[in-house]
Amino acid sequence: MELFGNYLMAFIETGGFLAPLLFISFHLLRPLFFLPVAFICISGGVLFGAVAGSVYSLIGITLSSLMFYYVIRWMPKTLDKLMRVKQKLIGKHASFTPSQIALLRLVPFIHFHLLSLCLIEISASFKDYTKTAVLTNIPLAFVYTSIGQWISSLTPLHIIVFLTALLPFLYVLRRKEIIIKWNEFFHPAT
């Protein structure tokens, strides 16, 4: 994964004026490589800065959402299966508002297209879906791209200090219970 990210960075940096198009097209290919949206958005912040990276990420994420809309409509059996999975995970009668979906998109381990499926459910038409997809993608693109620019502006000393400050949290937040099997605790009488 890291090697792939390094190749991507080198390819985009040498792409010149085609770099934004390559970056946006990589958003469309992201599901094929099973890469999280946050990784791509952070890369946009590192490569293009917060403003341009946010715009490129927003375009790429929105195009990805629109592509998902058309692909899922083209495959009704898969749509039914995904709806059943959504009902098992979220609940049969639960539905989200666009504001809730925008906030849930900020959580990196919630699947992006599961939330797009929730958007399809609450949208009346393709136009409504497109408008809602753009609005719910704005916080995602802005926040993670800003994180990417922040990371790229850090000096190695700041990174070392930041990682050193995280070490106590790893200790404090560790799992504090110890599981001892019954047979290990009570030795059998010999």
N, C-alpha and C. Protein backbone atom coordinates (compact mmCIF):
# COMPACT_ATOMS: atom_id res chain seq x y z
N MET A 1 0.82 -1.18 0.00
CA MET A 1 0.00 0.00 0.00
C MET A 1 0.87 1.25 0.00
N GLU A 2 1.91 1.26 0.83
CA GLU A 2 2.78 2.41 0.90
C GLU A 2 3.55 2.59 -0.41
N LEU A 3 3.99 1.48 -0.99
CA LEU A 3 4.70 1.53 -2.27
C LEU A 3 3.79 2.07 -3.36
N PHE A 4 2.55 1.61 -3.35
CA PHE A 4 1.56 2.09 -4.32
C PHE A 4 1.33 3.58 -4.15
N GLY A 5 1.25 4.05 -2.91
CA GLY A 5 1.06 5.47 -2.64
C GLY A 5 2.25 6.30 -3.12
N ASN A 6 3.46 5.76 -2.94
CA ASN A 6 4.65 6.47 -3.42
C ASN A 6 4.66 6.57 -4.94
N TYR A 7 4.28 5.49 -5.63
CA TYR A 7 4.20 5.54 -7.08
C TYR A 7 3.16 6.55 -7.54
N LEU A 8 2.03 6.58 -6.85
CA LEU A 8 0.98 7.53 -7.20
C LEU A 8 1.46 8.96 -7.03
N MET A 9 2.13 9.24 -5.92
CA MET A 9 2.63 10.60 -5.67
C MET A 9 3.63 11.01 -6.74
N ALA A 10 4.56 10.14 -7.07
CA ALA A 10 5.56 10.46 -8.10
C ALA A 10 4.91 10.67 -9.45
N PHE A 11 3.93 9.87 -9.79
CA PHE A 11 3.25 9.98 -11.07
C PHE A 11 2.48 11.29 -11.18
N ILE A 12 1.78 11.66 -10.12
CA ILE A 12 0.99 12.90 -10.14
C ILE A 12 1.91 14.12 -10.12
N GLU A 13 2.99 14.08 -9.35
CA GLU A 13 3.89 15.23 -9.27
C GLU A 13 4.55 15.51 -10.61
N THR A 14 4.81 14.48 -11.40
CA THR A 14 5.43 14.68 -12.71
C THR A 14 4.40 14.86 -13.81
N GLY A 15 3.13 14.84 -13.48
CA GLY A 15 2.06 14.93 -14.47
C GLY A 15 1.84 16.32 -15.03
N GLY A 16 2.35 17.37 -14.38
CA GLY A 16 2.17 18.73 -14.88
C GLY A 16 0.72 19.16 -14.85
N PHE A 17 0.24 19.71 -15.96
CA PHE A 17 -1.13 20.21 -16.00
C PHE A 17 -2.15 19.07 -16.04
N LEU A 18 -1.70 17.87 -16.33
CA LEU A 18 -2.60 16.72 -16.31
C LEU A 18 -2.77 16.13 -14.91
N ALA A 19 -1.99 16.62 -13.95
CA ALA A 19 -2.03 16.08 -12.60
C ALA A 19 -3.43 16.15 -11.98
N PRO A 20 -4.15 17.28 -12.10
CA PRO A 20 -5.51 17.29 -11.54
C PRO A 20 -6.43 16.26 -12.19
N LEU A 21 -6.32 16.09 -13.50
CA LEU A 21 -7.15 15.09 -14.18
C LEU A 21 -6.79 13.68 -13.73
N LEU A 22 -5.50 13.43 -13.55
CA LEU A 22 -5.08 12.12 -13.06
C LEU A 22 -5.58 11.88 -11.64
N PHE A 23 -5.53 12.92 -10.82
CA PHE A 23 -5.99 12.80 -9.44
C PHE A 23 -7.49 12.54 -9.39
N ILE A 24 -8.25 13.28 -10.18
CA ILE A 24 -9.71 13.09 -10.22
C ILE A 24 -10.05 11.71 -10.75
N SER A 25 -9.33 11.26 -11.77
CA SER A 25 -9.60 9.92 -12.31
C SER A 25 -9.22 8.84 -11.30
N PHE A 26 -8.23 9.13 -10.45
CA PHE A 26 -7.87 8.15 -9.43
C PHE A 26 -8.98 8.01 -8.39
N HIS A 27 -9.73 9.09 -8.16
CA HIS A 27 -10.91 8.99 -7.29
C HIS A 27 -11.92 8.00 -7.87
N LEU A 28 -12.02 7.98 -9.19
CA LEU A 28 -12.97 7.06 -9.83
C LEU A 28 -12.48 5.62 -9.77
N LEU A 29 -11.17 5.42 -9.77
CA LEU A 29 -10.61 4.07 -9.71
C LEU A 29 -10.42 3.57 -8.28
N ARG A 30 -10.58 4.45 -7.31
CA ARG A 30 -10.35 4.12 -5.90
C ARG A 30 -11.08 2.87 -5.43
N PRO A 31 -12.36 2.68 -5.78
CA PRO A 31 -13.03 1.47 -5.29
C PRO A 31 -12.42 0.17 -5.81
N LEU A 32 -11.81 0.22 -6.98
CA LEU A 32 -11.19 -0.99 -7.53
C LEU A 32 -9.96 -1.41 -6.74
N PHE A 33 -9.28 -0.45 -6.14
CA PHE A 33 -8.08 -0.73 -5.35
C PHE A 33 -8.37 -0.85 -3.86
N PHE A 34 -9.65 -0.72 -3.47
CA PHE A 34 -10.08 -0.81 -2.08
C PHE A 34 -9.35 0.20 -1.18
N LEU A 35 -9.15 1.40 -1.71
CA LEU A 35 -8.51 2.45 -0.94
C LEU A 35 -9.58 3.32 -0.27
N PRO A 36 -9.32 3.75 0.95
CA PRO A 36 -10.31 4.63 1.61
C PRO A 36 -10.30 6.02 0.99
N VAL A 37 -11.45 6.66 1.03
CA VAL A 37 -11.59 8.01 0.47
C VAL A 37 -10.67 8.97 1.21
N ALA A 38 -10.54 8.80 2.52
CA ALA A 38 -9.71 9.70 3.31
C ALA A 38 -8.26 9.68 2.84
N PHE A 39 -7.76 8.52 2.45
CA PHE A 39 -6.37 8.41 1.96
C PHE A 39 -6.17 9.25 0.71
N ILE A 40 -7.13 9.19 -0.21
CA ILE A 40 -7.01 9.93 -1.45
C ILE A 40 -7.13 11.44 -1.18
N CYS A 41 -8.04 11.83 -0.31
CA CYS A 41 -8.22 13.25 0.00
C CYS A 41 -6.98 13.82 0.71
N ILE A 42 -6.42 13.05 1.62
CA ILE A 42 -5.19 13.50 2.29
C ILE A 42 -4.06 13.65 1.28
N SER A 43 -3.99 12.71 0.34
CA SER A 43 -2.99 12.82 -0.73
C SER A 43 -3.19 14.08 -1.54
N GLY A 44 -4.44 14.46 -1.78
CA GLY A 44 -4.72 15.70 -2.50
C GLY A 44 -4.23 16.92 -1.75
N GLY A 45 -4.34 16.90 -0.43
CA GLY A 45 -3.83 18.01 0.37
C GLY A 45 -2.32 18.09 0.33
N VAL A 46 -1.66 16.94 0.33
CA VAL A 46 -0.21 16.91 0.26
C VAL A 46 0.26 17.40 -1.10
N LEU A 47 -0.41 16.96 -2.17
CA LEU A 47 0.03 17.28 -3.53
C LEU A 47 -0.35 18.68 -4.00
N PHE A 48 -1.57 19.10 -3.72
CA PHE A 48 -2.09 20.33 -4.32
C PHE A 48 -2.36 21.46 -3.33
N GLY A 49 -2.30 21.18 -2.04
CA GLY A 49 -2.66 22.19 -1.05
C GLY A 49 -4.12 22.05 -0.66
N ALA A 50 -4.53 22.85 0.31
CA ALA A 50 -5.88 22.70 0.86
C ALA A 50 -6.97 23.14 -0.11
N VAL A 51 -6.81 24.27 -0.77
CA VAL A 51 -7.89 24.80 -1.61
C VAL A 51 -8.03 23.98 -2.89
N ALA A 52 -6.95 23.88 -3.66
CA ALA A 52 -7.03 23.14 -4.93
C ALA A 52 -7.30 21.66 -4.68
N GLY A 53 -6.68 21.09 -3.66
CA GLY A 53 -6.91 19.69 -3.34
C GLY A 53 -8.35 19.42 -2.94
N SER A 54 -8.96 20.36 -2.20
CA SER A 54 -10.37 20.21 -1.83
C SER A 54 -11.27 20.24 -3.05
N VAL A 55 -10.99 21.15 -3.97
CA VAL A 55 -11.80 21.24 -5.18
C VAL A 55 -11.66 19.97 -6.01
N TYR A 56 -10.43 19.51 -6.20
CA TYR A 56 -10.21 18.29 -7.00
C TYR A 56 -10.83 17.08 -6.32
N SER A 57 -10.69 17.00 -5.00
CA SER A 57 -11.29 15.88 -4.27
C SER A 57 -12.81 15.93 -4.34
N LEU A 58 -13.38 17.11 -4.22
CA LEU A 58 -14.83 17.24 -4.31
C LEU A 58 -15.33 16.80 -5.68
N ILE A 59 -14.63 17.20 -6.72
CA ILE A 59 -15.02 16.78 -8.07
C ILE A 59 -14.90 15.27 -8.20
N GLY A 60 -13.78 14.71 -7.74
CA GLY A 60 -13.58 13.26 -7.86
C GLY A 60 -14.56 12.45 -7.05
N ILE A 61 -14.82 12.88 -5.82
CA ILE A 61 -15.76 12.15 -4.95
C ILE A 61 -17.17 12.23 -5.52
N THR A 62 -17.54 13.40 -6.03
CA THR A 62 -18.88 13.56 -6.60
C THR A 62 -19.04 12.71 -7.85
N LEU A 63 -18.03 12.70 -8.70
CA LEU A 63 -18.10 11.84 -9.89
C LEU A 63 -18.18 10.37 -9.49
N SER A 64 -17.47 10.00 -8.44
CA SER A 64 -17.54 8.63 -7.94
C SER A 64 -18.95 8.31 -7.44
N SER A 65 -19.57 9.25 -6.76
CA SER A 65 -20.95 9.05 -6.28
C SER A 65 -21.92 8.91 -7.44
N LEU A 66 -21.74 9.74 -8.46
CA LEU A 66 -22.62 9.68 -9.62
C LEU A 66 -22.43 8.37 -10.39
N MET A 67 -21.18 7.94 -10.48
CA MET A 67 -20.89 6.67 -11.14
C MET A 67 -21.55 5.51 -10.37
N PHE A 68 -21.49 5.57 -9.04
CA PHE A 68 -22.13 4.56 -8.22
C PHE A 68 -23.64 4.55 -8.46
N TYR A 69 -24.25 5.72 -8.59
CA TYR A 69 -25.68 5.82 -8.84
C TYR A 69 -26.05 5.09 -10.13
N TYR A 70 -25.30 5.34 -11.19
CA TYR A 70 -25.62 4.70 -12.46
C TYR A 70 -25.32 3.20 -12.45
N VAL A 71 -24.21 2.82 -11.85
CA VAL A 71 -23.84 1.40 -11.82
C VAL A 71 -24.84 0.61 -10.99
N ILE A 72 -25.25 1.14 -9.87
CA ILE A 72 -26.16 0.40 -8.98
C ILE A 72 -27.56 0.32 -9.59
N ARG A 73 -27.96 1.31 -10.36
CA ARG A 73 -29.24 1.26 -11.06
C ARG A 73 -29.20 0.26 -12.22
N TRP A 74 -28.04 0.05 -12.74
CA TRP A 74 -27.85 -0.86 -13.85
C TRP A 74 -27.89 -2.32 -13.38
N MET A 75 -27.64 -2.55 -12.09
CA MET A 75 -27.58 -3.90 -11.53
C MET A 75 -28.59 -4.02 -10.38
N PRO A 76 -29.87 -4.29 -10.69
CA PRO A 76 -30.91 -4.30 -9.64
C PRO A 76 -30.74 -5.41 -8.60
N LYS A 77 -30.19 -6.56 -8.98
CA LYS A 77 -29.99 -7.63 -7.99
C LYS A 77 -28.95 -7.22 -6.95
N THR A 78 -27.90 -6.56 -7.41
CA THR A 78 -26.89 -6.09 -6.48
C THR A 78 -27.46 -5.00 -5.57
N LEU A 79 -28.31 -4.15 -6.13
CA LEU A 79 -28.97 -3.13 -5.33
C LEU A 79 -29.81 -3.77 -4.23
N ASP A 80 -30.54 -4.83 -4.56
CA ASP A 80 -31.35 -5.52 -3.55
C ASP A 80 -30.47 -6.13 -2.46
N LYS A 81 -29.35 -6.73 -2.86
CA LYS A 81 -28.44 -7.31 -1.86
C LYS A 81 -27.86 -6.22 -0.96
N LEU A 82 -27.45 -5.12 -1.55
CA LEU A 82 -26.90 -4.03 -0.75
C LEU A 82 -27.95 -3.43 0.18
N MET A 83 -29.18 -3.36 -0.28
CA MET A 83 -30.25 -2.85 0.58
C MET A 83 -30.48 -3.78 1.78
N ARG A 84 -30.38 -5.09 1.55
CA ARG A 84 -30.52 -6.03 2.67
C ARG A 84 -29.36 -5.87 3.66
N VAL A 85 -28.14 -5.70 3.14
CA VAL A 85 -26.99 -5.48 4.02
C VAL A 85 -27.17 -4.19 4.81
N LYS A 86 -27.62 -3.14 4.15
CA LYS A 86 -27.87 -1.86 4.82
C LYS A 86 -28.92 -2.02 5.91
N GLN A 87 -29.99 -2.77 5.61
CA GLN A 87 -31.04 -2.97 6.61
C GLN A 87 -30.52 -3.75 7.81
N LYS A 88 -29.61 -4.70 7.58
CA LYS A 88 -29.04 -5.45 8.70
C LYS A 88 -28.12 -4.57 9.54
N LEU A 89 -27.35 -3.70 8.88
CA LEU A 89 -26.40 -2.86 9.61
C LEU A 89 -27.07 -1.69 10.31
N ILE A 90 -27.96 -1.03 9.62
CA ILE A 90 -28.54 0.21 10.13
C ILE A 90 -29.92 0.00 10.73
N GLY A 91 -30.68 -0.90 10.16
CA GLY A 91 -32.04 -1.13 10.60
C GLY A 91 -33.00 -0.97 9.44
N LYS A 92 -34.12 -1.64 9.57
CA LYS A 92 -35.08 -1.66 8.47
C LYS A 92 -35.75 -0.31 8.26
N HIS A 93 -36.08 0.37 9.33
CA HIS A 93 -36.86 1.60 9.21
C HIS A 93 -36.02 2.86 9.44
N ALA A 94 -34.73 2.70 9.61
CA ALA A 94 -33.87 3.86 9.86
C ALA A 94 -33.47 4.52 8.54
N SER A 95 -33.53 5.81 8.54
CA SER A 95 -33.02 6.57 7.40
C SER A 95 -32.32 7.81 7.95
N PHE A 96 -31.34 8.27 7.20
CA PHE A 96 -30.54 9.40 7.64
C PHE A 96 -30.94 10.65 6.88
N THR A 97 -30.68 11.78 7.51
CA THR A 97 -30.86 13.06 6.84
C THR A 97 -29.55 13.38 6.10
N PRO A 98 -29.58 14.28 5.15
CA PRO A 98 -28.32 14.66 4.48
C PRO A 98 -27.26 15.20 5.45
N SER A 99 -27.67 15.90 6.48
CA SER A 99 -26.70 16.40 7.46
C SER A 99 -26.03 15.25 8.20
N GLN A 100 -26.80 14.24 8.56
CA GLN A 100 -26.22 13.07 9.23
C GLN A 100 -25.26 12.34 8.30
N ILE A 101 -25.63 12.23 7.03
CA ILE A 101 -24.75 11.55 6.07
C ILE A 101 -23.45 12.34 5.90
N ALA A 102 -23.54 13.67 5.87
CA ALA A 102 -22.34 14.49 5.76
C ALA A 102 -21.40 14.25 6.94
N LEU A 103 -21.96 14.13 8.14
CA LEU A 103 -21.13 13.85 9.31
C LEU A 103 -20.58 12.43 9.30
N LEU A 104 -21.40 11.48 8.87
CA LEU A 104 -20.93 10.09 8.82
C LEU A 104 -19.85 9.89 7.77
N ARG A 105 -19.84 10.70 6.73
CA ARG A 105 -18.78 10.60 5.72
C ARG A 105 -17.42 10.98 6.30
N LEU A 106 -17.41 11.73 7.39
CA LEU A 106 -16.15 12.11 8.03
C LEU A 106 -15.53 10.96 8.82
N VAL A 107 -16.31 9.94 9.12
CA VAL A 107 -15.80 8.78 9.85
C VAL A 107 -15.13 7.86 8.84
N PRO A 108 -13.84 7.65 8.94
CA PRO A 108 -13.13 6.95 7.87
C PRO A 108 -13.48 5.47 7.70
N PHE A 109 -13.99 4.80 8.72
CA PHE A 109 -14.25 3.37 8.57
C PHE A 109 -15.69 3.05 8.19
N ILE A 110 -16.51 4.06 7.93
CA ILE A 110 -17.85 3.82 7.41
C ILE A 110 -17.75 3.86 5.89
N HIS A 111 -18.27 2.84 5.25
CA HIS A 111 -18.10 2.70 3.80
C HIS A 111 -18.77 3.85 3.05
N PHE A 112 -18.02 4.44 2.14
CA PHE A 112 -18.48 5.61 1.38
C PHE A 112 -19.73 5.30 0.57
N HIS A 113 -19.75 4.16 -0.11
CA HIS A 113 -20.87 3.85 -0.98
C HIS A 113 -22.09 3.33 -0.20
N LEU A 114 -21.90 2.87 1.02
CA LEU A 114 -23.05 2.57 1.87
C LEU A 114 -23.82 3.86 2.17
N LEU A 115 -23.08 4.92 2.42
CA LEU A 115 -23.73 6.20 2.64
C LEU A 115 -24.33 6.75 1.35
N SER A 116 -23.70 6.46 0.21
CA SER A 116 -24.30 6.84 -1.07
C SER A 116 -25.60 6.09 -1.29
N LEU A 117 -25.66 4.86 -0.85
CA LEU A 117 -26.90 4.08 -0.94
C LEU A 117 -28.00 4.72 -0.09
N CYS A 118 -27.61 5.22 1.09
CA CYS A 118 -28.58 5.93 1.93
C CYS A 118 -29.07 7.20 1.24
N LEU A 119 -28.18 7.86 0.50
CA LEU A 119 -28.58 9.04 -0.25
C LEU A 119 -29.56 8.69 -1.37
N ILE A 120 -29.33 7.56 -2.03
CA ILE A 120 -30.24 7.12 -3.09
C ILE A 120 -31.62 6.89 -2.50
N GLU A 121 -31.66 6.32 -1.31
CA GLU A 121 -32.93 6.04 -0.65
C GLU A 121 -33.75 7.30 -0.36
N ILE A 122 -33.08 8.36 0.05
CA ILE A 122 -33.82 9.57 0.44
C ILE A 122 -33.98 10.56 -0.70
N SER A 123 -33.40 10.28 -1.85
CA SER A 123 -33.48 11.20 -2.98
C SER A 123 -34.66 10.83 -3.86
N ALA A 124 -35.35 11.87 -4.36
CA ALA A 124 -36.52 11.65 -5.21
C ALA A 124 -36.13 11.46 -6.67
N SER A 125 -35.04 12.07 -7.09
CA SER A 125 -34.63 11.99 -8.50
C SER A 125 -33.10 12.06 -8.58
N PHE A 126 -32.59 11.91 -9.81
CA PHE A 126 -31.15 11.99 -10.02
C PHE A 126 -30.65 13.40 -9.70
N LYS A 127 -31.41 14.40 -10.05
CA LYS A 127 -31.03 15.79 -9.78
C LYS A 127 -30.93 16.03 -8.27
N ASP A 128 -31.89 15.52 -7.54
CA ASP A 128 -31.88 15.65 -6.08
C ASP A 128 -30.70 14.89 -5.48
N TYR A 129 -30.43 13.69 -6.01
CA TYR A 129 -29.29 12.90 -5.54
C TYR A 129 -27.98 13.65 -5.79
N THR A 130 -27.84 14.22 -6.98
CA THR A 130 -26.61 14.94 -7.32
C THR A 130 -26.39 16.12 -6.39
N LYS A 131 -27.43 16.91 -6.16
CA LYS A 131 -27.32 18.06 -5.28
C LYS A 131 -26.95 17.62 -3.87
N THR A 132 -27.61 16.60 -3.37
CA THR A 132 -27.33 16.12 -2.01
C THR A 132 -25.94 15.50 -1.92
N ALA A 133 -25.52 14.80 -2.97
CA ALA A 133 -24.18 14.21 -2.96
C ALA A 133 -23.11 15.28 -2.90
N VAL A 134 -23.26 16.34 -3.67
CA VAL A 134 -22.28 17.43 -3.64
C VAL A 134 -22.24 18.05 -2.24
N LEU A 135 -23.39 18.32 -1.67
CA LEU A 135 -23.44 18.96 -0.35
C LEU A 135 -22.86 18.07 0.76
N THR A 136 -23.11 16.77 0.67
CA THR A 136 -22.58 15.88 1.72
C THR A 136 -21.10 15.56 1.52
N ASN A 137 -20.57 15.78 0.32
CA ASN A 137 -19.16 15.52 0.05
C ASN A 137 -18.26 16.70 0.41
N ILE A 138 -18.82 17.90 0.54
CA ILE A 138 -18.00 19.08 0.82
C ILE A 138 -17.23 18.95 2.13
N PRO A 139 -17.87 18.58 3.26
CA PRO A 139 -17.08 18.47 4.51
C PRO A 139 -15.98 17.41 4.41
N LEU A 140 -16.28 16.29 3.78
CA LEU A 140 -15.29 15.22 3.63
C LEU A 140 -14.07 15.72 2.86
N ALA A 141 -14.30 16.35 1.72
CA ALA A 141 -13.18 16.83 0.90
C ALA A 141 -12.38 17.90 1.63
N PHE A 142 -13.06 18.82 2.27
CA PHE A 142 -12.36 19.92 2.93
C PHE A 142 -11.55 19.46 4.14
N VAL A 143 -12.15 18.65 5.00
CA VAL A 143 -11.47 18.25 6.24
C VAL A 143 -10.24 17.39 5.95
N TYR A 144 -10.39 16.35 5.15
CA TYR A 144 -9.26 15.46 4.92
C TYR A 144 -8.18 16.08 4.05
N THR A 145 -8.55 16.96 3.13
CA THR A 145 -7.54 17.64 2.32
C THR A 145 -6.77 18.63 3.18
N SER A 146 -7.45 19.29 4.11
CA SER A 146 -6.76 20.20 5.03
C SER A 146 -5.78 19.43 5.92
N ILE A 147 -6.18 18.24 6.33
CA ILE A 147 -5.26 17.40 7.12
C ILE A 147 -4.03 17.06 6.29
N GLY A 148 -4.24 16.77 5.02
CA GLY A 148 -3.11 16.46 4.14
C GLY A 148 -2.16 17.63 3.99
N GLN A 149 -2.68 18.85 3.86
CA GLN A 149 -1.80 20.00 3.76
C GLN A 149 -1.09 20.23 5.08
N TRP A 150 -1.78 20.03 6.20
CA TRP A 150 -1.16 20.21 7.50
C TRP A 150 0.01 19.23 7.67
N ILE A 151 -0.21 17.99 7.26
CA ILE A 151 0.86 16.99 7.38
C ILE A 151 2.05 17.35 6.51
N SER A 152 1.78 17.86 5.31
CA SER A 152 2.89 18.19 4.39
C SER A 152 3.69 19.39 4.86
N SER A 153 3.10 20.25 5.70
CA SER A 153 3.83 21.43 6.16
C SER A 153 4.62 21.18 7.44
N LEU A 154 4.51 20.00 8.01
CA LEU A 154 5.24 19.70 9.24
C LEU A 154 6.71 19.39 8.94
N THR A 155 7.57 19.84 9.82
CA THR A 155 8.98 19.49 9.70
C THR A 155 9.19 18.12 10.35
N PRO A 156 10.28 17.46 10.05
CA PRO A 156 10.53 16.16 10.70
C PRO A 156 10.56 16.25 12.23
N LEU A 157 11.04 17.37 12.76
CA LEU A 157 11.07 17.54 14.21
C LEU A 157 9.64 17.57 14.77
N HIS A 158 8.74 18.28 14.11
CA HIS A 158 7.35 18.33 14.56
C HIS A 158 6.69 16.96 14.49
N ILE A 159 6.99 16.22 13.45
CA ILE A 159 6.41 14.87 13.32
C ILE A 159 6.90 13.96 14.44
N ILE A 160 8.18 14.04 14.77
CA ILE A 160 8.74 13.22 15.86
C ILE A 160 8.12 13.62 17.19
N VAL A 161 7.96 14.92 17.43
CA VAL A 161 7.34 15.39 18.68
C VAL A 161 5.89 14.92 18.75
N PHE A 162 5.17 15.02 17.64
CA PHE A 162 3.77 14.59 17.59
C PHE A 162 3.65 13.09 17.86
N LEU A 163 4.49 12.28 17.23
CA LEU A 163 4.44 10.84 17.44
C LEU A 163 4.86 10.47 18.86
N THR A 164 5.82 11.19 19.42
CA THR A 164 6.24 10.95 20.80
C THR A 164 5.10 11.30 21.76
N ALA A 165 4.35 12.34 21.45
CA ALA A 165 3.21 12.70 22.29
C ALA A 165 2.10 11.66 22.21
N LEU A 166 2.02 10.94 21.11
CA LEU A 166 1.01 9.90 20.97
C LEU A 166 1.33 8.63 21.76
N LEU A 167 2.61 8.40 22.04
CA LEU A 167 3.01 7.17 22.74
C LEU A 167 2.33 6.98 24.09
N PRO A 168 2.24 8.01 24.94
CA PRO A 168 1.53 7.80 26.22
C PRO A 168 0.06 7.41 26.02
N PHE A 169 -0.57 7.94 24.97
CA PHE A 169 -1.96 7.57 24.71
C PHE A 169 -2.09 6.11 24.33
N LEU A 170 -1.09 5.57 23.63
CA LEU A 170 -1.12 4.15 23.31
C LEU A 170 -1.08 3.31 24.58
N TYR A 171 -0.34 3.77 25.57
CA TYR A 171 -0.26 3.04 26.83
C TYR A 171 -1.55 3.21 27.64
N VAL A 172 -2.05 4.43 27.72
CA VAL A 172 -3.23 4.70 28.52
C VAL A 172 -4.48 4.04 27.93
N LEU A 173 -4.56 4.01 26.63
CA LEU A 173 -5.75 3.47 25.97
C LEU A 173 -5.66 1.98 25.65
N ARG A 174 -4.65 1.32 26.20
CA ARG A 174 -4.50 -0.11 25.93
C ARG A 174 -5.64 -0.89 26.58
N ARG A 175 -5.77 -2.11 26.18
CA ARG A 175 -6.77 -2.98 26.78
C ARG A 175 -6.30 -3.35 28.18
N LYS A 176 -7.13 -3.12 29.17
CA LYS A 176 -6.71 -3.28 30.56
C LYS A 176 -7.20 -4.57 31.20
N GLU A 177 -7.80 -5.42 30.45
CA GLU A 177 -8.25 -6.67 31.03
C GLU A 177 -7.36 -7.81 30.53
N ILE A 178 -7.17 -8.75 31.37
CA ILE A 178 -6.36 -9.91 31.04
C ILE A 178 -7.29 -11.12 31.08
N ILE A 179 -7.25 -11.90 30.05
CA ILE A 179 -8.09 -13.10 29.99
C ILE A 179 -7.23 -14.30 30.34
N ILE A 180 -7.63 -14.95 31.40
CA ILE A 180 -6.94 -16.16 31.85
C ILE A 180 -7.93 -17.30 31.76
N LYS A 181 -7.55 -18.33 31.06
CA LYS A 181 -8.44 -19.48 30.93
C LYS A 181 -8.55 -20.20 32.26
N TRP A 182 -9.68 -20.85 32.44
CA TRP A 182 -9.98 -21.55 33.69
C TRP A 182 -8.88 -22.55 34.03
N ASN A 183 -8.45 -23.30 33.06
CA ASN A 183 -7.43 -24.33 33.30
C ASN A 183 -6.08 -23.73 33.66
N GLU A 184 -5.77 -22.56 33.16
CA GLU A 184 -4.51 -21.92 33.50
C GLU A 184 -4.55 -21.35 34.91
N PHE A 185 -5.71 -20.88 35.35
CA PHE A 185 -5.81 -20.27 36.67
C PHE A 185 -5.83 -21.34 37.77
N PHE A 186 -6.64 -22.36 37.57
CA PHE A 186 -6.72 -23.45 38.53
C PHE A 186 -5.97 -24.64 37.96
N HIS A 187 -4.78 -24.86 38.49
CA HIS A 187 -4.00 -25.99 38.02
C HIS A 187 -4.65 -27.29 38.50
N PRO A 188 -4.75 -28.27 37.63
CA PRO A 188 -5.33 -29.54 38.09
C PRO A 188 -4.45 -30.22 39.14
N ALA A 189 -5.08 -30.83 40.08
CA ALA A 189 -4.36 -31.52 41.14
C ALA A 189 -3.67 -32.75 40.57
N THR A 190 -2.39 -32.86 40.86
CA THR A 190 -1.64 -34.04 40.39
C THR A 190 -1.12 -34.86 41.51
